[in-house]
Amino acid sequence: MDEFNSGDEALFNADEANISVKECVENVIGGADYNQSKVNQWTASIVEHCLTQLVKQGRPFKYIVNCTIMQKSGAGLHTANSCYWDTNTDGSCTVRWENRTMYCVVSVFAVAVAV
């Protein structure tokens, strides 16, 4: 059992966040085809839904959520992030979701709030 899955309310649970994010993406995009005119709406909605679900968990974190949607076209996409924080309490997870016409990558960063 790693430090983020010990059940302690003050620790970030990446597995739980992963499930919530996947559900949010599926609920917002589902089986839709890529549509450039809807991407802004989709990304905003995914971020809002993810934040709402994370906050509902009632844990003492500040959350940062980033969402990228890209049409499947054969082009490459490379992303990276780096954090300077307390690895005993803070955490992150990245979810890669795809359907037939697009990729969606959502990153969640959770920074513990001193209680």
Foldseek 3Di string as FASTA:
>chain_A
DDLQPPPDLQAHNQVVLQVQLVVLLCVQCNANADDVVCVVVSQVSSQVSSVVVVVVSVGQWDKDKGKDKDWPDPDDDDDDDDDDADPNRWDKDWYWDDDDTMIMIMIMTIHGDDD
